[in-house]
Amino acid sequence: QVQLVESGGDLVQPGGSLRLSCVASGGDFSLYLVSWFRQPPGKQREFVASVNTGGGGTYEDFAKGRFFVSRDNSKNTVYLQMNNLKLEDTGTYYCTFAGNWGQGTQVTVSS
């Protein structure tokens, strides 16, 4: 059974940075595109970024130029580097692949 565990969420000031991690177990992670989604407070879950099997990234407009997604298949881990964080980046961040979702990690951007 596939399990995904996100980590790295924290309270950070505007303009700060965080690196989120998503560790997968129980599946052949390297074969899949892995995506990050987020759910801001009181809003629906939305796409953030994805990384394909070759390591190429795709980003939602709000993430372009600030967020960078990468993967290390040897560690079954995907990363989301988030820079220049804004108040509106607050939310729970989830990773997903092949229909599996993690529990999420909380990111709070506040002064």
PDB file of N, CA and C in Angstrom:
ATOM      1  N   GLN A   1       0.837  -1.193   0.000  1.00  0.00           N
ATOM      2  CA  GLN A   1       0.000   0.000   0.000  1.00  0.00           C
ATOM      3  C   GLN A   1       0.874   1.246   0.000  1.00  0.00           C
ATOM      4  N   VAL A   2       0.536   2.156  -0.891  1.00  0.00           N
ATOM      5  CA  VAL A   2       1.315   3.383  -1.015  1.00  0.00           C
ATOM      6  C   VAL A   2       1.012   4.323   0.143  1.00  0.00           C
ATOM      7  N   GLN A   3       2.065   4.880   0.710  1.00  0.00           N
ATOM      8  CA  GLN A   3       1.912   5.918   1.728  1.00  0.00           C
ATOM      9  C   GLN A   3       2.766   7.109   1.345  1.00  0.00           C
ATOM     10  N   LEU A   4       2.215   8.280   1.570  1.00  0.00           N
ATOM     11  CA  LEU A   4       2.926   9.528   1.307  1.00  0.00           C
ATOM     12  C   LEU A   4       2.957  10.339   2.588  1.00  0.00           C
ATOM     13  N   VAL A   5       4.124  10.855   2.917  1.00  0.00           N
ATOM     14  CA  VAL A   5       4.268  11.651   4.126  1.00  0.00           C
ATOM     15  C   VAL A   5       4.936  12.970   3.766  1.00  0.00           C
ATOM     16  N   GLU A   6       4.190  14.045   3.971  1.00  0.00           N
ATOM     17  CA  GLU A   6       4.729  15.380   3.734  1.00  0.00           C
ATOM     18  C   GLU A   6       5.313  15.945   5.017  1.00  0.00           C
ATOM     19  N   SER A   7       6.304  16.796   4.858  1.00  0.00           N
ATOM     20  CA  SER A   7       6.894  17.465   6.010  1.00  0.00           C
ATOM     21  C   SER A   7       7.526  18.770   5.548  1.00  0.00           C
ATOM     22  N   GLY A   8       7.927  19.583   6.509  1.00  0.00           N
ATOM     23  CA  GLY A   8       8.607  20.824   6.191  1.00  0.00           C
ATOM     24  C   GLY A   8       7.769  22.066   6.365  1.00  0.00           C
ATOM     25  N   GLY A   9       6.471  21.904   6.601  1.00  0.00           N
ATOM     26  CA  GLY A   9       5.634  23.057   6.811  1.00  0.00           C
ATOM     27  C   GLY A   9       5.982  23.764   8.114  1.00  0.00           C
ATOM     28  N   ASP A  10       5.753  25.065   8.127  1.00  0.00           N
ATOM     29  CA  ASP A  10       6.122  25.852   9.310  1.00  0.00           C
ATOM     30  C   ASP A  10       5.453  27.210   9.229  1.00  0.00           C
ATOM     31  N   LEU A  11       5.654  27.987  10.279  1.00  0.00           N
ATOM     32  CA  LEU A  11       5.243  29.388  10.308  1.00  0.00           C
ATOM     33  C   LEU A  11       6.435  30.211   9.810  1.00  0.00           C
ATOM     34  N   VAL A  12       6.197  31.045   8.822  1.00  0.00           N
ATOM     35  CA  VAL A  12       7.277  31.836   8.234  1.00  0.00           C
ATOM     36  C   VAL A  12       6.763  33.228   7.920  1.00  0.00           C
ATOM     37  N   GLN A  13       7.663  34.192   7.953  1.00  0.00           N
ATOM     38  CA  GLN A  13       7.284  35.558   7.638  1.00  0.00           C
ATOM     39  C   GLN A  13       7.197  35.762   6.128  1.00  0.00           C
ATOM     40  N   PRO A  14       6.438  36.739   5.690  1.00  0.00           N
ATOM     41  CA  PRO A  14       6.407  37.049   4.257  1.00  0.00           C
ATOM     42  C   PRO A  14       7.818  37.310   3.737  1.00  0.00           C
ATOM     43  N   GLY A  15       8.079  36.793   2.560  1.00  0.00           N
ATOM     44  CA  GLY A  15       9.413  36.896   1.982  1.00  0.00           C
ATOM     45  C   GLY A  15      10.335  35.760   2.343  1.00  0.00           C
ATOM     46  N   GLY A  16       9.925  34.928   3.267  1.00  0.00           N
ATOM     47  CA  GLY A  16      10.744  33.802   3.695  1.00  0.00           C
ATOM     48  C   GLY A  16      10.657  32.625   2.755  1.00  0.00           C
ATOM     49  N   SER A  17      11.360  31.562   3.121  1.00  0.00           N
ATOM     50  CA  SER A  17      11.424  30.364   2.296  1.00  0.00           C
ATOM     51  C   SER A  17      11.163  29.119   3.134  1.00  0.00           C
ATOM     52  N   LEU A  18      10.656  28.106   2.475  1.00  0.00           N
ATOM     53  CA  LEU A  18      10.477  26.791   3.068  1.00  0.00           C
ATOM     54  C   LEU A  18      10.753  25.738   2.012  1.00  0.00           C
ATOM     55  N   ARG A  19      11.214  24.584   2.470  1.00  0.00           N
ATOM     56  CA  ARG A  19      11.312  23.443   1.572  1.00  0.00           C
ATOM     57  C   ARG A  19      10.466  22.310   2.132  1.00  0.00           C
ATOM     58  N   LEU A  20       9.477  21.931   1.361  1.00  0.00           N
ATOM     59  CA  LEU A  20       8.621  20.819   1.726  1.00  0.00           C
ATOM     60  C   LEU A  20       9.177  19.529   1.129  1.00  0.00           C
ATOM     61  N   SER A  21       8.953  18.449   1.841  1.00  0.00           N
ATOM     62  CA  SER A  21       9.367  17.132   1.361  1.00  0.00           C
ATOM     63  C   SER A  21       8.170  16.204   1.342  1.00  0.00           C
ATOM     64  N   CYS A  22       8.199  15.288   0.423  1.00  0.00           N
ATOM     65  CA  CYS A  22       7.160  14.256   0.319  1.00  0.00           C
ATOM     66  C   CYS A  22       7.868  12.936   0.110  1.00  0.00           C
ATOM     67  N   VAL A  23       7.750  12.053   1.089  1.00  0.00           N
ATOM     68  CA  VAL A  23       8.407  10.751   1.023  1.00  0.00           C
ATOM     69  C   VAL A  23       7.355   9.692   0.757  1.00  0.00           C
ATOM     70  N   ALA A  24       7.615   8.859  -0.248  1.00  0.00           N
ATOM     71  CA  ALA A  24       6.682   7.809  -0.628  1.00  0.00           C
ATOM     72  C   ALA A  24       7.221   6.443  -0.236  1.00  0.00           C
ATOM     73  N   SER A  25       6.314   5.567   0.126  1.00  0.00           N
ATOM     74  CA  SER A  25       6.685   4.183   0.396  1.00  0.00           C
ATOM     75  C   SER A  25       5.594   3.269  -0.132  1.00  0.00           C
ATOM     76  N   GLY A  26       5.960   2.054  -0.461  1.00  0.00           N
ATOM     77  CA  GLY A  26       4.987   1.066  -0.888  1.00  0.00           C
ATOM     78  C   GLY A  26       4.659   1.075  -2.363  1.00  0.00           C
ATOM     79  N   GLY A  27       5.340   1.883  -3.155  1.00  0.00           N
ATOM     80  CA  GLY A  27       5.071   1.920  -4.583  1.00  0.00           C
ATOM     81  C   GLY A  27       6.313   2.298  -5.351  1.00  0.00           C
ATOM     82  N   ASP A  28       6.287   2.059  -6.675  1.00  0.00           N
ATOM     83  CA  ASP A  28       7.426   2.429  -7.500  1.00  0.00           C
ATOM     84  C   ASP A  28       7.293   3.876  -7.904  1.00  0.00           C
ATOM     85  N   PHE A  29       7.703   4.689  -7.034  1.00  0.00           N
ATOM     86  CA  PHE A  29       7.582   6.144  -7.113  1.00  0.00           C
ATOM     87  C   PHE A  29       8.167   6.699  -8.402  1.00  0.00           C
ATOM     88  N   SER A  30       9.254   6.102  -8.868  1.00  0.00           N
ATOM     89  CA  SER A  30       9.992   6.665  -9.991  1.00  0.00           C
ATOM     90  C   SER A  30       9.211   6.636 -11.301  1.00  0.00           C
ATOM     91  N   LEU A  31       8.173   5.842 -11.367  1.00  0.00           N
ATOM     92  CA  LEU A  31       7.409   5.695 -12.602  1.00  0.00           C
ATOM     93  C   LEU A  31       6.338   6.760 -12.783  1.00  0.00           C
ATOM     94  N   TYR A  32       6.135   7.594 -11.791  1.00  0.00           N
ATOM     95  CA  TYR A  32       4.976   8.473 -11.786  1.00  0.00           C
ATOM     96  C   TYR A  32       5.319   9.951 -11.726  1.00  0.00           C
ATOM     97  N   LEU A  33       4.446  10.703 -12.352  1.00  0.00           N
ATOM     98  CA  LEU A  33       4.419  12.141 -12.121  1.00  0.00           C
ATOM     99  C   LEU A  33       3.903  12.371 -10.710  1.00  0.00           C
ATOM    100  N   VAL A  34       4.519  13.277  -9.993  1.00  0.00           N
ATOM    101  CA  VAL A  34       4.109  13.593  -8.622  1.00  0.00           C
ATOM    102  C   VAL A  34       3.726  15.073  -8.565  1.00  0.00           C
ATOM    103  N   SER A  35       2.634  15.326  -7.921  1.00  0.00           N
ATOM    104  CA  SER A  35       2.121  16.694  -7.873  1.00  0.00           C
ATOM    105  C   SER A  35       2.003  17.205  -6.449  1.00  0.00           C
ATOM    106  N   TRP A  36       2.059  18.517  -6.337  1.00  0.00           N
ATOM    107  CA  TRP A  36       1.762  19.214  -5.086  1.00  0.00           C
ATOM    108  C   TRP A  36       0.473  20.012  -5.287  1.00  0.00           C
ATOM    109  N   PHE A  37      -0.381  19.918  -4.298  1.00  0.00           N
ATOM    110  CA  PHE A  37      -1.592  20.721  -4.233  1.00  0.00           C
ATOM    111  C   PHE A  37      -1.576  21.455  -2.898  1.00  0.00           C
ATOM    112  N   ARG A  38      -2.413  22.465  -2.795  1.00  0.00           N
ATOM    113  CA  ARG A  38      -2.570  23.138  -1.517  1.00  0.00           C
ATOM    114  C   ARG A  38      -4.023  23.498  -1.309  1.00  0.00           C
ATOM    115  N   GLN A  39      -4.373  23.653  -0.052  1.00  0.00           N
ATOM    116  CA  GLN A  39      -5.728  24.068   0.296  1.00  0.00           C
ATOM    117  C   GLN A  39      -5.650  25.241   1.253  1.00  0.00           C
ATOM    118  N   PRO A  40      -5.887  26.444   0.747  1.00  0.00           N
ATOM    119  CA  PRO A  40      -5.913  27.606   1.619  1.00  0.00           C
ATOM    120  C   PRO A  40      -7.100  27.519   2.571  1.00  0.00           C
ATOM    121  N   PRO A  41      -7.058  28.212   3.684  1.00  0.00           N
ATOM    122  CA  PRO A  41      -8.170  28.175   4.637  1.00  0.00           C
ATOM    123  C   PRO A  41      -9.477  28.606   3.978  1.00  0.00           C
ATOM    124  N   GLY A  42     -10.493  27.787   4.109  1.00  0.00           N
ATOM    125  CA  GLY A  42     -11.804  28.117   3.586  1.00  0.00           C
ATOM    126  C   GLY A  42     -11.957  28.020   2.084  1.00  0.00           C
ATOM    127  N   LYS A  43     -10.948  27.480   1.411  1.00  0.00           N
ATOM    128  CA  LYS A  43     -10.998  27.398  -0.049  1.00  0.00           C
ATOM    129  C   LYS A  43     -10.798  25.959  -0.515  1.00  0.00           C
ATOM    130  N   GLN A  44     -11.013  25.764  -1.793  1.00  0.00           N
ATOM    131  CA  GLN A  44     -10.835  24.430  -2.359  1.00  0.00           C
ATOM    132  C   GLN A  44      -9.351  24.141  -2.604  1.00  0.00           C
ATOM    133  N   ARG A  45      -9.081  22.869  -2.680  1.00  0.00           N
ATOM    134  CA  ARG A  45      -7.725  22.431  -2.967  1.00  0.00           C
ATOM    135  C   ARG A  45      -7.339  22.864  -4.387  1.00  0.00           C
ATOM    136  N   GLU A  46      -6.111  23.312  -4.574  1.00  0.00           N
ATOM    137  CA  GLU A  46      -5.678  23.794  -5.884  1.00  0.00           C
ATOM    138  C   GLU A  46      -4.292  23.253  -6.228  1.00  0.00           C
ATOM    139  N   PHE A  47      -4.073  23.121  -7.516  1.00  0.00           N
ATOM    140  CA  PHE A  47      -2.794  22.626  -8.023  1.00  0.00           C
ATOM    141  C   PHE A  47      -1.708  23.672  -7.784  1.00  0.00           C
ATOM    142  N   VAL A  48      -0.519  23.170  -7.414  1.00  0.00           N
ATOM    143  CA  VAL A  48       0.631  24.045  -7.220  1.00  0.00           C
ATOM    144  C   VAL A  48       1.698  23.765  -8.286  1.00  0.00           C
ATOM    145  N   ALA A  49       2.147  22.508  -8.318  1.00  0.00           N
ATOM    146  CA  ALA A  49       3.242  22.156  -9.222  1.00  0.00           C
ATOM    147  C   ALA A  49       3.302  20.646  -9.344  1.00  0.00           C
ATOM    148  N   SER A  50       3.964  20.194 -10.397  1.00  0.00           N
ATOM    149  CA  SER A  50       4.194  18.764 -10.549  1.00  0.00           C
ATOM    150  C   SER A  50       5.581  18.532 -11.137  1.00  0.00           C
ATOM    151  N   VAL A  51       6.095  17.347 -10.895  1.00  0.00           N
ATOM    152  CA  VAL A  51       7.394  16.967 -11.449  1.00  0.00           C
ATOM    153  C   VAL A  51       7.226  15.649 -12.175  1.00  0.00           C
ATOM    154  N   ASN A  52       7.680  15.606 -13.429  1.00  0.00           N
ATOM    155  CA  ASN A  52       7.508  14.384 -14.206  1.00  0.00           C
ATOM    156  C   ASN A  52       8.637  13.400 -13.918  1.00  0.00           C
ATOM    157  N   THR A  53       8.587  12.270 -14.592  1.00  0.00           N
ATOM    158  CA  THR A  53       9.559  11.219 -14.289  1.00  0.00           C
ATOM    159  C   THR A  53      10.979  11.631 -14.646  1.00  0.00           C
ATOM    160  N   GLY A  54      11.111  12.585 -15.569  1.00  0.00           N
ATOM    161  CA  GLY A  54      12.438  13.060 -15.948  1.00  0.00           C
ATOM    162  C   GLY A  54      12.947  14.211 -15.104  1.00  0.00           C
ATOM    163  N   GLY A  55      12.105  14.666 -14.180  1.00  0.00           N
ATOM    164  CA  GLY A  55      12.510  15.761 -13.306  1.00  0.00           C
ATOM    165  C   GLY A  55      12.036  17.127 -13.760  1.00  0.00           C
ATOM    166  N   GLY A  56      11.316  17.188 -14.869  1.00  0.00           N
ATOM    167  CA  GLY A  56      10.809  18.463 -15.345  1.00  0.00           C
ATOM    168  C   GLY A  56       9.609  18.931 -14.542  1.00  0.00           C
ATOM    169  N   GLY A  57       9.520  20.220 -14.325  1.00  0.00           N
ATOM    170  CA  GLY A  57       8.454  20.771 -13.496  1.00  0.00           C
ATOM    171  C   GLY A  57       7.415  21.540 -14.289  1.00  0.00           C
ATOM    172  N   THR A  58       6.213  21.517 -13.776  1.00  0.00           N
ATOM    173  CA  THR A  58       5.107  22.313 -14.296  1.00  0.00           C
ATOM    174  C   THR A  58       4.520  23.065 -13.115  1.00  0.00           C
ATOM    175  N   TYR A  59       4.175  24.331 -13.339  1.00  0.00           N
ATOM    176  CA  TYR A  59       3.782  25.187 -12.231  1.00  0.00           C
ATOM    177  C   TYR A  59       2.499  25.946 -12.530  1.00  0.00           C
ATOM    178  N   GLU A  60       1.703  26.108 -11.498  1.00  0.00           N
ATOM    179  CA  GLU A  60       0.590  27.040 -11.586  1.00  0.00           C
ATOM    180  C   GLU A  60       1.172  28.451 -11.668  1.00  0.00           C
ATOM    181  N   ASP A  61       0.372  29.365 -12.201  1.00  0.00           N
ATOM    182  CA  ASP A  61       0.913  30.713 -12.441  1.00  0.00           C
ATOM    183  C   ASP A  61       1.455  31.363 -11.166  1.00  0.00           C
ATOM    184  N   PHE A  62       0.747  31.178 -10.042  1.00  0.00           N
ATOM    185  CA  PHE A  62       1.188  31.860  -8.820  1.00  0.00           C
ATOM    186  C   PHE A  62       2.515  31.310  -8.301  1.00  0.00           C
ATOM    187  N   ALA A  63       2.904  30.116  -8.766  1.00  0.00           N
ATOM    188  CA  ALA A  63       4.125  29.472  -8.291  1.00  0.00           C
ATOM    189  C   ALA A  63       5.327  29.748  -9.195  1.00  0.00           C
ATOM    190  N   LYS A  64       5.064  30.177 -10.392  1.00  0.00           N
ATOM    191  CA  LYS A  64       6.158  30.369 -11.347  1.00  0.00           C
ATOM    192  C   LYS A  64       7.140  31.433 -10.853  1.00  0.00           C
ATOM    193  N   GLY A  65       8.415  31.067 -10.891  1.00  0.00           N
ATOM    194  CA  GLY A  65       9.460  31.987 -10.467  1.00  0.00           C
ATOM    195  C   GLY A  65       9.704  32.030  -8.978  1.00  0.00           C
ATOM    196  N   ARG A  66       8.821  31.434  -8.190  1.00  0.00           N
ATOM    197  CA  ARG A  66       9.002  31.416  -6.733  1.00  0.00           C
ATOM    198  C   ARG A  66       9.166  30.004  -6.183  1.00  0.00           C
ATOM    199  N   PHE A  67       8.457  29.061  -6.762  1.00  0.00           N
ATOM    200  CA  PHE A  67       8.465  27.678  -6.285  1.00  0.00           C
ATOM    201  C   PHE A  67       9.241  26.809  -7.271  1.00  0.00           C
ATOM    202  N   PHE A  68       9.934  25.803  -6.724  1.00  0.00           N
ATOM    203  CA  PHE A  68      10.713  24.907  -7.580  1.00  0.00           C
ATOM    204  C   PHE A  68      10.538  23.475  -7.072  1.00  0.00           C
ATOM    205  N   VAL A  69      10.123  22.626  -7.981  1.00  0.00           N
ATOM    206  CA  VAL A  69       9.850  21.236  -7.613  1.00  0.00           C
ATOM    207  C   VAL A  69      10.979  20.350  -8.135  1.00  0.00           C
ATOM    208  N   SER A  70      11.347  19.375  -7.347  1.00  0.00           N
ATOM    209  CA  SER A  70      12.399  18.451  -7.748  1.00  0.00           C
ATOM    210  C   SER A  70      12.134  17.092  -7.118  1.00  0.00           C
ATOM    211  N   ARG A  71      12.873  16.096  -7.577  1.00  0.00           N
ATOM    212  CA  ARG A  71      12.686  14.760  -7.026  1.00  0.00           C
ATOM    213  C   ARG A  71      14.019  14.045  -6.908  1.00  0.00           C
ATOM    214  N   ASP A  72      14.065  13.134  -5.958  1.00  0.00           N
ATOM    215  CA  ASP A  72      15.213  12.248  -5.780  1.00  0.00           C
ATOM    216  C   ASP A  72      14.648  10.841  -5.705  1.00  0.00           C
ATOM    217  N   ASN A  73      14.661  10.157  -6.840  1.00  0.00           N
ATOM    218  CA  ASN A  73      14.050   8.833  -6.888  1.00  0.00           C
ATOM    219  C   ASN A  73      14.775   7.828  -5.991  1.00  0.00           C
ATOM    220  N   SER A  74      16.052   8.042  -5.760  1.00  0.00           N
ATOM    221  CA  SER A  74      16.788   7.119  -4.893  1.00  0.00           C
ATOM    222  C   SER A  74      16.291   7.183  -3.452  1.00  0.00           C
ATOM    223  N   LYS A  75      15.667   8.306  -3.120  1.00  0.00           N
ATOM    224  CA  LYS A  75      15.119   8.487  -1.769  1.00  0.00           C
ATOM    225  C   LYS A  75      13.603   8.465  -1.758  1.00  0.00           C
ATOM    226  N   ASN A  76      12.998   8.195  -2.926  1.00  0.00           N
ATOM    227  CA  ASN A  76      11.532   8.218  -3.029  1.00  0.00           C
ATOM    228  C   ASN A  76      10.967   9.525  -2.479  1.00  0.00           C
ATOM    229  N   THR A  77      11.604  10.599  -2.814  1.00  0.00           N
ATOM    230  CA  THR A  77      11.248  11.890  -2.241  1.00  0.00           C
ATOM    231  C   THR A  77      11.095  12.955  -3.321  1.00  0.00           C
ATOM    232  N   VAL A  78      10.074  13.762  -3.143  1.00  0.00           N
ATOM    233  CA  VAL A  78       9.857  14.936  -3.971  1.00  0.00           C
ATOM    234  C   VAL A  78       9.916  16.162  -3.066  1.00  0.00           C
ATOM    235  N   TYR A  79      10.504  17.210  -3.580  1.00  0.00           N
ATOM    236  CA  TYR A  79      10.667  18.440  -2.810  1.00  0.00           C
ATOM    237  C   TYR A  79       9.914  19.589  -3.474  1.00  0.00           C
ATOM    238  N   LEU A  80       9.483  20.516  -2.656  1.00  0.00           N
ATOM    239  CA  LEU A  80       8.920  21.767  -3.153  1.00  0.00           C
ATOM    240  C   LEU A  80       9.631  22.896  -2.416  1.00  0.00           C
ATOM    241  N   GLN A  81      10.515  23.562  -3.127  1.00  0.00           N
ATOM    242  CA  GLN A  81      11.211  24.723  -2.578  1.00  0.00           C
ATOM    243  C   GLN A  81      10.346  25.947  -2.837  1.00  0.00           C
ATOM    244  N   MET A  82      10.005  26.640  -1.781  1.00  0.00           N
ATOM    245  CA  MET A  82       9.126  27.805  -1.890  1.00  0.00           C
ATOM    246  C   MET A  82       9.877  29.032  -1.393  1.00  0.00           C
ATOM    247  N   ASN A  83      10.027  30.001  -2.275  1.00  0.00           N
ATOM    248  CA  ASN A  83      10.747  31.222  -1.951  1.00  0.00           C
ATOM    249  C   ASN A  83       9.811  32.423  -2.032  1.00  0.00           C
ATOM    250  N   ASN A  84      10.238  33.514  -1.413  1.00  0.00           N
ATOM    251  CA  ASN A  84       9.458  34.755  -1.436  1.00  0.00           C
ATOM    252  C   ASN A  84       7.995  34.478  -1.085  1.00  0.00           C
ATOM    253  N   LEU A  85       7.789  33.804   0.009  1.00  0.00           N
ATOM    254  CA  LEU A  85       6.437  33.401   0.388  1.00  0.00           C
ATOM    255  C   LEU A  85       5.569  34.613   0.694  1.00  0.00           C
ATOM    256  N   LYS A  86       4.313  34.474   0.348  1.00  0.00           N
ATOM    257  CA  LYS A  86       3.330  35.532   0.527  1.00  0.00           C
ATOM    258  C   LYS A  86       2.243  35.067   1.483  1.00  0.00           C
ATOM    259  N   LEU A  87       1.494  36.011   2.019  1.00  0.00           N
ATOM    260  CA  LEU A  87       0.408  35.667   2.938  1.00  0.00           C
ATOM    261  C   LEU A  87      -0.543  34.664   2.308  1.00  0.00           C
ATOM    262  N   GLU A  88      -0.806  34.850   1.035  1.00  0.00           N
ATOM    263  CA  GLU A  88      -1.772  33.988   0.341  1.00  0.00           C
ATOM    264  C   GLU A  88      -1.248  32.582   0.061  1.00  0.00           C
ATOM    265  N   ASP A  89       0.004  32.325   0.391  1.00  0.00           N
ATOM    266  CA  ASP A  89       0.540  30.963   0.268  1.00  0.00           C
ATOM    267  C   ASP A  89       0.182  30.090   1.474  1.00  0.00           C
ATOM    268  N   THR A  90      -0.439  30.695   2.459  1.00  0.00           N
ATOM    269  CA  THR A  90      -0.860  29.931   3.633  1.00  0.00           C
ATOM    270  C   THR A  90      -1.830  28.834   3.241  1.00  0.00           C
ATOM    271  N   GLY A  91      -1.624  27.664   3.803  1.00  0.00           N
ATOM    272  CA  GLY A  91      -2.525  26.552   3.549  1.00  0.00           C
ATOM    273  C   GLY A  91      -1.888  25.224   3.891  1.00  0.00           C
ATOM    274  N   THR A  92      -2.651  24.187   3.675  1.00  0.00           N
ATOM    275  CA  THR A  92      -2.130  22.835   3.858  1.00  0.00           C
ATOM    276  C   THR A  92      -1.656  22.331   2.496  1.00  0.00           C
ATOM    277  N   TYR A  93      -0.457  21.836   2.456  1.00  0.00           N
ATOM    278  CA  TYR A  93       0.166  21.396   1.215  1.00  0.00           C
ATOM    279  C   TYR A  93       0.210  19.866   1.182  1.00  0.00           C
ATOM    280  N   TYR A  94      -0.235  19.324   0.060  1.00  0.00           N
ATOM    281  CA  TYR A  94      -0.327  17.878  -0.116  1.00  0.00           C
ATOM    282  C   TYR A  94       0.477  17.443  -1.337  1.00  0.00           C
ATOM    283  N   CYS A  95       1.015  16.255  -1.262  1.00  0.00           N
ATOM    284  CA  CYS A  95       1.584  15.651  -2.461  1.00  0.00           C
ATOM    285  C   CYS A  95       0.712  14.457  -2.854  1.00  0.00           C
ATOM    286  N   THR A  96       0.781  14.143  -4.145  1.00  0.00           N
ATOM    287  CA  THR A  96      -0.053  13.069  -4.661  1.00  0.00           C
ATOM    288  C   THR A  96       0.582  12.428  -5.880  1.00  0.00           C
ATOM    289  N   PHE A  97       0.389  11.116  -6.022  1.00  0.00           N
ATOM    290  CA  PHE A  97       0.695  10.436  -7.260  1.00  0.00           C
ATOM    291  C   PHE A  97      -0.131   9.163  -7.348  1.00  0.00           C
ATOM    292  N   ALA A  98      -0.493   8.810  -8.541  1.00  0.00           N
ATOM    293  CA  ALA A  98      -1.258   7.596  -8.826  1.00  0.00           C
ATOM    294  C   ALA A  98      -2.496   7.482  -7.953  1.00  0.00           C
ATOM    295  N   GLY A  99      -3.131   8.590  -7.684  1.00  0.00           N
ATOM    296  CA  GLY A  99      -4.361   8.577  -6.901  1.00  0.00           C
ATOM    297  C   GLY A  99      -4.174   8.519  -5.400  1.00  0.00           C
ATOM    298  N   ASN A 100      -2.945   8.528  -4.956  1.00  0.00           N
ATOM    299  CA  ASN A 100      -2.659   8.491  -3.526  1.00  0.00           C
ATOM    300  C   ASN A 100      -2.326   9.883  -3.004  1.00  0.00           C
ATOM    301  N   TRP A 101      -2.755  10.158  -1.795  1.00  0.00           N
ATOM    302  CA  TRP A 101      -2.540  11.466  -1.182  1.00  0.00           C
ATOM    303  C   TRP A 101      -1.919  11.300   0.194  1.00  0.00           C
ATOM    304  N   GLY A 102      -1.086  12.284   0.541  1.00  0.00           N
ATOM    305  CA  GLY A 102      -0.576  12.326   1.897  1.00  0.00           C
ATOM    306  C   GLY A 102      -1.542  13.062   2.803  1.00  0.00           C
ATOM    307  N   GLN A 103      -1.144  13.221   4.061  1.00  0.00           N
ATOM    308  CA  GLN A 103      -1.975  13.891   5.061  1.00  0.00           C
ATOM    309  C   GLN A 103      -1.805  15.398   5.030  1.00  0.00           C
ATOM    310  N   GLY A 104      -0.757  15.852   4.390  1.00  0.00           N
ATOM    311  CA  GLY A 104      -0.548  17.281   4.271  1.00  0.00           C
ATOM    312  C   GLY A 104       0.383  17.839   5.326  1.00  0.00           C
ATOM    313  N   THR A 105       0.948  18.996   5.007  1.00  0.00           N
ATOM    314  CA  THR A 105       1.795  19.719   5.948  1.00  0.00           C
ATOM    315  C   THR A 105       1.378  21.192   5.916  1.00  0.00           C
ATOM    316  N   GLN A 106       1.308  21.804   7.071  1.00  0.00           N
ATOM    317  CA  GLN A 106       0.754  23.149   7.190  1.00  0.00           C
ATOM    318  C   GLN A 106       1.831  24.201   6.968  1.00  0.00           C
ATOM    319  N   VAL A 107       1.515  25.121   6.081  1.00  0.00           N
ATOM    320  CA  VAL A 107       2.365  26.285   5.831  1.00  0.00           C
ATOM    321  C   VAL A 107       1.586  27.527   6.231  1.00  0.00           C
ATOM    322  N   THR A 108       2.155  28.313   7.102  1.00  0.00           N
ATOM    323  CA  THR A 108       1.520  29.548   7.532  1.00  0.00           C
ATOM    324  C   THR A 108       2.482  30.692   7.296  1.00  0.00           C
ATOM    325  N   VAL A 109       2.048  31.633   6.501  1.00  0.00           N
ATOM    326  CA  VAL A 109       2.849  32.821   6.214  1.00  0.00           C
ATOM    327  C   VAL A 109       2.192  33.991   6.928  1.00  0.00           C
ATOM    328  N   SER A 110       2.906  34.543   7.883  1.00  0.00           N
ATOM    329  CA  SER A 110       2.320  35.599   8.702  1.00  0.00           C
ATOM    330  C   SER A 110       3.422  36.475   9.282  1.00  0.00           C
ATOM    331  N   SER A 111       3.108  37.748   9.417  1.00  0.00           N
ATOM    332  CA  SER A 111       4.064  38.661  10.034  1.00  0.00           C
ATOM    333  C   SER A 111       3.779  38.786  11.525  1.00  0.00           C
TER     334      SER A 111
END
